[in-house]
Amino acid sequence: MRRAGGSACQRYFQANGFILMRCPRAVQRPRASLCVGDAMSEQEKRRALRKRVLKGATIAFNNRSSTLSCMVRDISETGARLRVPKGQAVPSRFDLLIEVDGLEAPCAVAWRRGEEMGVTFEAPPTRGKPARIQAVTAIARNAPPSLRRKA
């Protein structure tokens, strides 16, 4: 039987100054110092900080005789999130090759959701000489960006 005041979590949040809404996330009042939106957000669950990227990569398997192209969406020291076109069957273990960085890592699939998959690196990634160079040229002169109007 439920108590009249809601669940134990709801009573805790209300007692500590949080406002509960219909949304499953709790919204905090400005005076509170703890964010409760997700009690344990995805960043806190991860062992290593992930960096958002958008890089083309290659999935190599069968002793690198078979390859698939993919996009790296984010990467860390321990794994990455990849986007693979629909309909491509990806094995559970493979080598990930990122030409722009010269990175090679043996991977194991941790999860799959639609076109995306999370992989963990089975060994620390090795960085070799990049196969190609990513060249970015500046359009403007080397002045720091400013919001001031030009006179």
N, C-alpha and C. Protein backbone atom coordinates (compact mmCIF):
# COMPACT_ATOMS: atom_id res chain seq x y z
N MET A 1 0.84 -1.18 0.00
CA MET A 1 0.00 0.00 0.00
C MET A 1 0.88 1.24 0.00
N ARG A 2 0.56 2.21 -0.84
CA ARG A 2 1.35 3.44 -0.93
C ARG A 2 0.97 4.43 0.14
N ARG A 3 1.95 5.18 0.56
CA ARG A 3 1.68 6.25 1.50
C ARG A 3 1.10 7.44 0.74
N ALA A 4 0.43 8.32 1.44
CA ALA A 4 -0.24 9.46 0.81
C ALA A 4 0.77 10.43 0.19
N GLY A 5 1.97 10.50 0.70
CA GLY A 5 2.95 11.50 0.24
C GLY A 5 3.71 11.11 -1.00
N GLY A 6 3.39 10.02 -1.68
CA GLY A 6 4.13 9.59 -2.87
C GLY A 6 5.23 8.63 -2.48
N SER A 7 6.16 8.40 -3.41
CA SER A 7 7.24 7.45 -3.16
C SER A 7 8.28 8.04 -2.22
N ALA A 8 9.15 7.19 -1.73
CA ALA A 8 10.21 7.65 -0.83
C ALA A 8 11.10 8.67 -1.52
N CYS A 9 11.37 8.47 -2.80
CA CYS A 9 12.20 9.43 -3.55
C CYS A 9 11.51 10.78 -3.65
N GLN A 10 10.21 10.78 -3.94
CA GLN A 10 9.48 12.04 -4.04
C GLN A 10 9.48 12.77 -2.71
N ARG A 11 9.27 12.06 -1.61
CA ARG A 11 9.28 12.70 -0.29
C ARG A 11 10.67 13.26 0.02
N TYR A 12 11.73 12.53 -0.35
CA TYR A 12 13.09 13.00 -0.11
C TYR A 12 13.35 14.29 -0.88
N PHE A 13 12.99 14.32 -2.17
CA PHE A 13 13.25 15.50 -2.98
C PHE A 13 12.44 16.70 -2.49
N GLN A 14 11.19 16.48 -2.11
CA GLN A 14 10.37 17.57 -1.62
C GLN A 14 10.90 18.10 -0.29
N ALA A 15 11.36 17.22 0.57
CA ALA A 15 11.90 17.63 1.87
C ALA A 15 13.20 18.40 1.72
N ASN A 16 13.96 18.17 0.67
CA ASN A 16 15.24 18.84 0.48
C ASN A 16 15.16 20.01 -0.49
N GLY A 17 13.98 20.50 -0.76
CA GLY A 17 13.84 21.73 -1.54
C GLY A 17 13.77 21.57 -3.04
N PHE A 18 13.43 20.39 -3.54
CA PHE A 18 13.32 20.20 -4.99
C PHE A 18 11.86 20.21 -5.39
N ILE A 19 11.59 20.69 -6.59
CA ILE A 19 10.24 20.73 -7.11
C ILE A 19 10.07 19.57 -8.08
N LEU A 20 9.06 18.75 -7.85
CA LEU A 20 8.81 17.63 -8.74
C LEU A 20 7.74 18.02 -9.75
N MET A 21 7.97 17.67 -10.99
CA MET A 21 7.01 17.98 -12.05
C MET A 21 6.49 16.67 -12.64
N ARG A 22 5.62 16.76 -13.63
CA ARG A 22 5.12 15.56 -14.28
C ARG A 22 6.23 14.80 -14.98
N CYS A 23 7.21 15.54 -15.46
CA CYS A 23 8.36 14.94 -16.13
C CYS A 23 9.09 14.05 -15.13
N PRO A 24 9.65 12.90 -15.54
CA PRO A 24 10.34 12.03 -14.60
C PRO A 24 11.60 12.64 -14.02
N ARG A 25 12.10 13.72 -14.62
CA ARG A 25 13.29 14.37 -14.08
C ARG A 25 12.88 15.39 -13.03
N ALA A 26 13.66 15.53 -11.99
CA ALA A 26 13.37 16.51 -10.96
C ALA A 26 14.06 17.81 -11.31
N VAL A 27 13.38 18.93 -11.06
CA VAL A 27 13.95 20.24 -11.33
C VAL A 27 14.30 20.87 -10.00
N GLN A 28 15.47 21.44 -9.90
CA GLN A 28 15.90 21.98 -8.61
C GLN A 28 15.61 23.46 -8.50
N ARG A 29 15.44 23.92 -7.30
CA ARG A 29 15.31 25.34 -7.04
C ARG A 29 16.69 25.97 -7.11
N PRO A 30 16.79 27.26 -7.41
CA PRO A 30 18.10 27.89 -7.56
C PRO A 30 19.01 27.77 -6.35
N ARG A 31 18.45 27.66 -5.13
CA ARG A 31 19.30 27.61 -3.94
C ARG A 31 19.98 26.27 -3.74
N ALA A 32 19.51 25.24 -4.42
CA ALA A 32 20.11 23.92 -4.25
C ALA A 32 21.41 23.82 -5.03
N SER A 33 22.34 23.04 -4.53
CA SER A 33 23.63 22.92 -5.18
C SER A 33 23.83 21.59 -5.90
N LEU A 34 22.88 20.68 -5.80
CA LEU A 34 23.01 19.36 -6.38
C LEU A 34 22.03 19.21 -7.53
N CYS A 35 22.48 18.74 -8.65
CA CYS A 35 21.61 18.52 -9.80
C CYS A 35 21.00 17.13 -9.68
N VAL A 36 19.70 17.05 -9.75
CA VAL A 36 19.03 15.78 -9.55
C VAL A 36 18.40 15.27 -10.84
N GLY A 37 18.54 15.99 -11.94
CA GLY A 37 17.92 15.60 -13.20
C GLY A 37 18.05 14.11 -13.44
N ASP A 38 19.20 13.59 -13.35
CA ASP A 38 19.46 12.16 -13.36
C ASP A 38 20.32 11.91 -12.14
N ALA A 39 19.85 11.07 -11.23
CA ALA A 39 20.61 10.85 -10.00
C ALA A 39 22.03 10.42 -10.33
N MET A 40 22.17 9.63 -11.36
CA MET A 40 23.51 9.24 -11.79
C MET A 40 23.54 9.39 -13.30
N SER A 41 24.04 10.51 -13.78
CA SER A 41 24.01 10.76 -15.22
C SER A 41 24.97 9.82 -15.93
N GLU A 42 24.87 9.80 -17.26
CA GLU A 42 25.72 8.91 -18.05
C GLU A 42 27.19 9.22 -17.86
N GLN A 43 27.55 10.51 -17.72
CA GLN A 43 28.94 10.88 -17.54
C GLN A 43 29.51 10.25 -16.27
N GLU A 44 28.69 10.19 -15.20
CA GLU A 44 29.18 9.65 -13.94
C GLU A 44 29.37 8.14 -14.01
N LYS A 45 28.62 7.46 -14.88
CA LYS A 45 28.72 6.00 -14.99
C LYS A 45 29.96 5.57 -15.75
N ARG A 46 30.48 6.45 -16.59
CA ARG A 46 31.60 6.08 -17.44
C ARG A 46 32.91 6.08 -16.67
N ARG A 47 33.79 5.17 -17.08
CA ARG A 47 35.11 5.09 -16.45
C ARG A 47 36.04 6.17 -16.97
N ALA A 48 35.84 6.61 -18.20
CA ALA A 48 36.72 7.61 -18.80
C ALA A 48 35.86 8.67 -19.50
N LEU A 49 36.35 9.88 -19.55
CA LEU A 49 35.65 10.98 -20.17
C LEU A 49 35.61 10.80 -21.68
N ARG A 50 34.44 10.94 -22.27
CA ARG A 50 34.30 10.79 -23.71
C ARG A 50 34.37 12.14 -24.39
N LYS A 51 35.01 12.15 -25.56
CA LYS A 51 35.16 13.37 -26.35
C LYS A 51 34.31 13.21 -27.60
N ARG A 52 33.43 14.20 -27.87
CA ARG A 52 32.57 14.13 -29.05
C ARG A 52 33.40 14.40 -30.29
N VAL A 53 33.27 13.54 -31.27
CA VAL A 53 33.98 13.69 -32.54
C VAL A 53 33.05 13.27 -33.67
N LEU A 54 33.45 13.54 -34.87
CA LEU A 54 32.75 13.08 -36.06
C LEU A 54 33.83 12.74 -37.08
N LYS A 55 34.26 11.49 -37.03
CA LYS A 55 35.37 11.05 -37.88
C LYS A 55 35.00 9.76 -38.59
N GLY A 56 35.45 9.66 -39.82
CA GLY A 56 35.26 8.43 -40.56
C GLY A 56 36.24 7.38 -40.06
N ALA A 57 35.80 6.13 -40.02
CA ALA A 57 36.64 5.05 -39.55
C ALA A 57 36.32 3.78 -40.33
N THR A 58 37.13 2.77 -40.11
CA THR A 58 36.96 1.49 -40.78
C THR A 58 36.90 0.38 -39.74
N ILE A 59 35.94 -0.51 -39.89
CA ILE A 59 35.83 -1.70 -39.06
C ILE A 59 36.47 -2.83 -39.86
N ALA A 60 37.53 -3.43 -39.34
CA ALA A 60 38.25 -4.50 -40.05
C ALA A 60 38.12 -5.81 -39.26
N PHE A 61 37.80 -6.89 -39.98
CA PHE A 61 37.68 -8.21 -39.34
C PHE A 61 38.13 -9.27 -40.33
N ASN A 62 38.13 -10.52 -39.93
CA ASN A 62 38.66 -11.63 -40.73
C ASN A 62 40.12 -11.37 -41.11
N ASN A 63 40.94 -11.10 -40.10
CA ASN A 63 42.36 -10.78 -40.31
C ASN A 63 42.53 -9.59 -41.26
N ARG A 64 41.64 -8.63 -41.13
CA ARG A 64 41.62 -7.39 -41.91
C ARG A 64 41.37 -7.61 -43.40
N SER A 65 40.82 -8.75 -43.76
CA SER A 65 40.48 -8.98 -45.17
C SER A 65 39.08 -8.46 -45.49
N SER A 66 38.25 -8.24 -44.48
CA SER A 66 36.91 -7.68 -44.67
C SER A 66 36.82 -6.36 -43.93
N THR A 67 36.20 -5.36 -44.56
CA THR A 67 36.09 -4.05 -43.92
C THR A 67 34.70 -3.46 -44.12
N LEU A 68 34.31 -2.60 -43.20
CA LEU A 68 33.08 -1.82 -43.27
C LEU A 68 33.42 -0.39 -42.89
N SER A 69 32.74 0.56 -43.49
CA SER A 69 32.97 1.95 -43.08
C SER A 69 31.98 2.32 -41.99
N CYS A 70 32.38 3.25 -41.12
CA CYS A 70 31.53 3.70 -40.03
C CYS A 70 31.93 5.12 -39.66
N MET A 71 31.17 5.73 -38.76
CA MET A 71 31.48 7.06 -38.23
C MET A 71 31.69 6.93 -36.72
N VAL A 72 32.74 7.56 -36.22
CA VAL A 72 32.98 7.61 -34.77
C VAL A 72 32.28 8.85 -34.26
N ARG A 73 31.34 8.68 -33.32
CA ARG A 73 30.58 9.80 -32.78
C ARG A 73 31.21 10.37 -31.51
N ASP A 74 31.73 9.50 -30.67
CA ASP A 74 32.52 9.95 -29.53
C ASP A 74 33.51 8.86 -29.17
N ILE A 75 34.57 9.28 -28.46
CA ILE A 75 35.68 8.36 -28.18
C ILE A 75 36.29 8.70 -26.83
N SER A 76 36.82 7.68 -26.16
CA SER A 76 37.53 7.86 -24.90
C SER A 76 38.73 6.92 -24.90
N GLU A 77 39.40 6.86 -23.77
CA GLU A 77 40.54 5.95 -23.65
C GLU A 77 40.09 4.49 -23.58
N THR A 78 38.84 4.25 -23.19
CA THR A 78 38.37 2.88 -22.99
C THR A 78 37.38 2.39 -24.03
N GLY A 79 36.87 3.27 -24.90
CA GLY A 79 35.89 2.83 -25.88
C GLY A 79 35.42 3.95 -26.78
N ALA A 80 34.39 3.64 -27.58
CA ALA A 80 33.86 4.61 -28.53
C ALA A 80 32.41 4.29 -28.85
N ARG A 81 31.72 5.29 -29.41
CA ARG A 81 30.37 5.10 -29.92
C ARG A 81 30.45 5.25 -31.43
N LEU A 82 29.97 4.24 -32.15
CA LEU A 82 30.07 4.20 -33.60
C LEU A 82 28.68 4.23 -34.22
N ARG A 83 28.61 4.79 -35.42
CA ARG A 83 27.39 4.74 -36.21
C ARG A 83 27.70 3.97 -37.48
N VAL A 84 26.94 2.89 -37.69
CA VAL A 84 27.13 2.01 -38.84
C VAL A 84 25.85 2.08 -39.68
N PRO A 85 25.95 2.17 -41.01
CA PRO A 85 24.74 2.19 -41.84
C PRO A 85 23.85 0.97 -41.58
N LYS A 86 22.54 1.21 -41.67
CA LYS A 86 21.58 0.14 -41.41
C LYS A 86 21.80 -1.04 -42.34
N GLY A 87 21.57 -2.21 -41.83
CA GLY A 87 21.65 -3.42 -42.63
C GLY A 87 23.03 -4.05 -42.69
N GLN A 88 24.05 -3.40 -42.15
CA GLN A 88 25.38 -4.00 -42.16
C GLN A 88 25.57 -4.85 -40.91
N ALA A 89 25.94 -6.08 -41.10
CA ALA A 89 26.19 -6.99 -39.99
C ALA A 89 27.62 -6.79 -39.50
N VAL A 90 27.75 -6.40 -38.26
CA VAL A 90 29.06 -6.14 -37.67
C VAL A 90 29.36 -7.25 -36.67
N PRO A 91 30.53 -7.87 -36.74
CA PRO A 91 30.87 -8.93 -35.78
C PRO A 91 31.04 -8.37 -34.37
N SER A 92 31.03 -9.25 -33.39
CA SER A 92 31.14 -8.79 -32.00
C SER A 92 32.57 -8.38 -31.64
N ARG A 93 33.57 -8.83 -32.39
CA ARG A 93 34.97 -8.43 -32.18
C ARG A 93 35.58 -8.02 -33.51
N PHE A 94 36.31 -6.89 -33.50
CA PHE A 94 36.91 -6.37 -34.72
C PHE A 94 37.99 -5.36 -34.37
N ASP A 95 38.71 -4.88 -35.39
CA ASP A 95 39.70 -3.82 -35.22
C ASP A 95 39.09 -2.53 -35.75
N LEU A 96 39.25 -1.45 -34.99
CA LEU A 96 38.78 -0.14 -35.41
C LEU A 96 39.97 0.66 -35.90
N LEU A 97 39.89 1.19 -37.12
CA LEU A 97 40.98 1.95 -37.72
C LEU A 97 40.48 3.36 -38.03
N ILE A 98 41.12 4.37 -37.43
CA ILE A 98 40.79 5.76 -37.72
C ILE A 98 41.99 6.37 -38.44
N GLU A 99 41.86 6.53 -39.76
CA GLU A 99 42.99 6.97 -40.58
C GLU A 99 43.49 8.36 -40.22
N VAL A 100 42.56 9.29 -39.96
CA VAL A 100 42.94 10.68 -39.70
C VAL A 100 43.87 10.79 -38.48
N ASP A 101 43.63 9.97 -37.46
CA ASP A 101 44.45 10.01 -36.25
C ASP A 101 45.56 8.95 -36.25
N GLY A 102 45.49 7.99 -37.15
CA GLY A 102 46.45 6.89 -37.14
C GLY A 102 46.19 5.94 -35.99
N LEU A 103 44.94 5.89 -35.51
CA LEU A 103 44.58 5.08 -34.35
C LEU A 103 44.09 3.70 -34.79
N GLU A 104 44.58 2.68 -34.11
CA GLU A 104 44.14 1.30 -34.32
C GLU A 104 43.86 0.68 -32.96
N ALA A 105 42.69 0.02 -32.83
CA ALA A 105 42.35 -0.59 -31.55
C ALA A 105 41.50 -1.83 -31.76
N PRO A 106 41.83 -2.93 -31.06
CA PRO A 106 40.94 -4.10 -31.08
C PRO A 106 39.72 -3.80 -30.21
N CYS A 107 38.52 -4.10 -30.72
CA CYS A 107 37.28 -3.72 -30.04
C CYS A 107 36.36 -4.91 -29.81
N ALA A 108 35.51 -4.76 -28.81
CA ALA A 108 34.42 -5.70 -28.55
C ALA A 108 33.15 -4.88 -28.41
N VAL A 109 32.07 -5.33 -29.01
CA VAL A 109 30.81 -4.60 -28.95
C VAL A 109 30.22 -4.73 -27.55
N ALA A 110 29.85 -3.57 -26.96
CA ALA A 110 29.25 -3.55 -25.63
C ALA A 110 27.73 -3.46 -25.72
N TRP A 111 27.21 -2.68 -26.67
CA TRP A 111 25.77 -2.52 -26.86
C TRP A 111 25.47 -2.12 -28.30
N ARG A 112 24.23 -2.36 -28.71
CA ARG A 112 23.76 -1.98 -30.05
C ARG A 112 22.37 -1.39 -29.93
N ARG A 113 22.15 -0.25 -30.60
CA ARG A 113 20.82 0.39 -30.65
C ARG A 113 20.64 0.98 -32.04
N GLY A 114 19.85 0.33 -32.86
CA GLY A 114 19.61 0.82 -34.22
C GLY A 114 20.91 0.88 -35.01
N GLU A 115 21.23 2.08 -35.51
CA GLU A 115 22.45 2.25 -36.29
C GLU A 115 23.68 2.49 -35.43
N GLU A 116 23.50 2.68 -34.12
CA GLU A 116 24.63 2.99 -33.25
C GLU A 116 25.05 1.79 -32.43
N MET A 117 26.32 1.78 -32.05
CA MET A 117 26.84 0.73 -31.18
C MET A 117 27.94 1.31 -30.30
N GLY A 118 28.05 0.77 -29.12
CA GLY A 118 29.13 1.15 -28.22
C GLY A 118 30.16 0.03 -28.20
N VAL A 119 31.43 0.40 -28.26
CA VAL A 119 32.49 -0.61 -28.23
C VAL A 119 33.47 -0.28 -27.12
N THR A 120 34.07 -1.32 -26.57
CA THR A 120 35.14 -1.15 -25.59
C THR A 120 36.43 -1.61 -26.24
N PHE A 121 37.51 -0.93 -25.92
CA PHE A 121 38.80 -1.31 -26.45
C PHE A 121 39.35 -2.46 -25.61
N GLU A 122 39.71 -3.56 -26.27
CA GLU A 122 40.24 -4.72 -25.56
C GLU A 122 41.69 -4.51 -25.15
N ALA A 123 42.37 -3.61 -25.81
CA ALA A 123 43.76 -3.25 -25.49
C ALA A 123 43.87 -1.75 -25.73
N PRO A 124 44.83 -1.10 -25.10
CA PRO A 124 44.98 0.34 -25.35
C PRO A 124 45.20 0.62 -26.84
N PRO A 125 44.54 1.65 -27.38
CA PRO A 125 44.71 1.97 -28.79
C PRO A 125 46.15 2.34 -29.12
N THR A 126 46.62 1.91 -30.27
CA THR A 126 47.96 2.29 -30.72
C THR A 126 47.83 3.43 -31.72
N ARG A 127 48.72 4.39 -31.60
CA ARG A 127 48.72 5.53 -32.52
C ARG A 127 49.94 5.45 -33.41
N GLY A 128 49.69 5.23 -34.67
CA GLY A 128 50.75 5.21 -35.65
C GLY A 128 50.78 6.51 -36.42
N LYS A 129 51.49 6.50 -37.51
CA LYS A 129 51.53 7.68 -38.37
C LYS A 129 50.20 7.77 -39.11
N PRO A 130 49.55 8.93 -39.09
CA PRO A 130 48.28 9.06 -39.80
C PRO A 130 48.45 8.75 -41.29
N ALA A 131 47.50 8.02 -41.87
CA ALA A 131 47.56 7.67 -43.28
C ALA A 131 47.30 8.88 -44.16
N ARG A 132 46.56 9.84 -43.64
CA ARG A 132 46.33 11.08 -44.36
C ARG A 132 46.29 12.22 -43.36
N ILE A 133 46.47 13.42 -43.84
CA ILE A 133 46.54 14.59 -42.97
C ILE A 133 45.26 15.38 -43.09
N GLN A 134 44.72 15.78 -41.95
CA GLN A 134 43.53 16.62 -41.94
C GLN A 134 44.01 18.06 -41.97
N ALA A 135 43.72 18.77 -43.03
CA ALA A 135 44.19 20.14 -43.18
C ALA A 135 43.03 21.11 -43.01
N VAL A 136 43.21 22.05 -42.10
CA VAL A 136 42.22 23.09 -41.87
C VAL A 136 42.93 24.42 -42.04
N THR A 137 42.39 25.28 -42.88
CA THR A 137 43.01 26.59 -43.07
C THR A 137 42.12 27.66 -42.48
N ALA A 138 42.74 28.68 -41.94
CA ALA A 138 42.01 29.79 -41.35
C ALA A 138 41.54 30.74 -42.45
N ILE A 139 40.31 31.18 -42.36
CA ILE A 139 39.77 32.12 -43.33
C ILE A 139 40.11 33.54 -42.90
N ALA A 140 40.04 33.81 -41.62
CA ALA A 140 40.31 35.15 -41.11
C ALA A 140 41.75 35.25 -40.62
N ARG A 141 42.18 36.47 -40.36
CA ARG A 141 43.52 36.67 -39.82
C ARG A 141 43.59 36.12 -38.40
N ASN A 142 44.74 36.03 -37.85
CA ASN A 142 44.94 35.42 -36.53
C ASN A 142 44.56 36.36 -35.40
N ALA A 143 43.36 36.85 -35.39
CA ALA A 143 42.87 37.72 -34.33
C ALA A 143 41.90 36.92 -33.48
N PRO A 144 41.92 37.14 -32.17
CA PRO A 144 40.98 36.42 -31.31
C PRO A 144 39.56 36.87 -31.63
N PRO A 145 38.60 35.96 -31.53
CA PRO A 145 37.21 36.32 -31.83
C PRO A 145 36.71 37.37 -30.85
N SER A 146 35.89 38.29 -31.35
CA SER A 146 35.36 39.36 -30.52
C SER A 146 33.91 39.64 -30.89
N LEU A 147 33.12 40.04 -29.91
CA LEU A 147 31.73 40.39 -30.15
C LEU A 147 31.54 41.89 -30.38
N ARG A 148 32.61 42.65 -30.33
CA ARG A 148 32.52 44.10 -30.52
C ARG A 148 32.34 44.44 -31.99
N ARG A 149 31.63 45.52 -32.21
CA ARG A 149 31.42 46.00 -33.58
C ARG A 149 32.70 46.63 -34.11
N LYS A 150 32.91 46.45 -35.39
CA LYS A 150 34.08 47.05 -36.00
C LYS A 150 33.77 48.52 -36.30
N ALA A 151 34.70 49.38 -35.94
CA ALA A 151 34.47 50.82 -36.13
C ALA A 151 34.85 51.28 -37.51
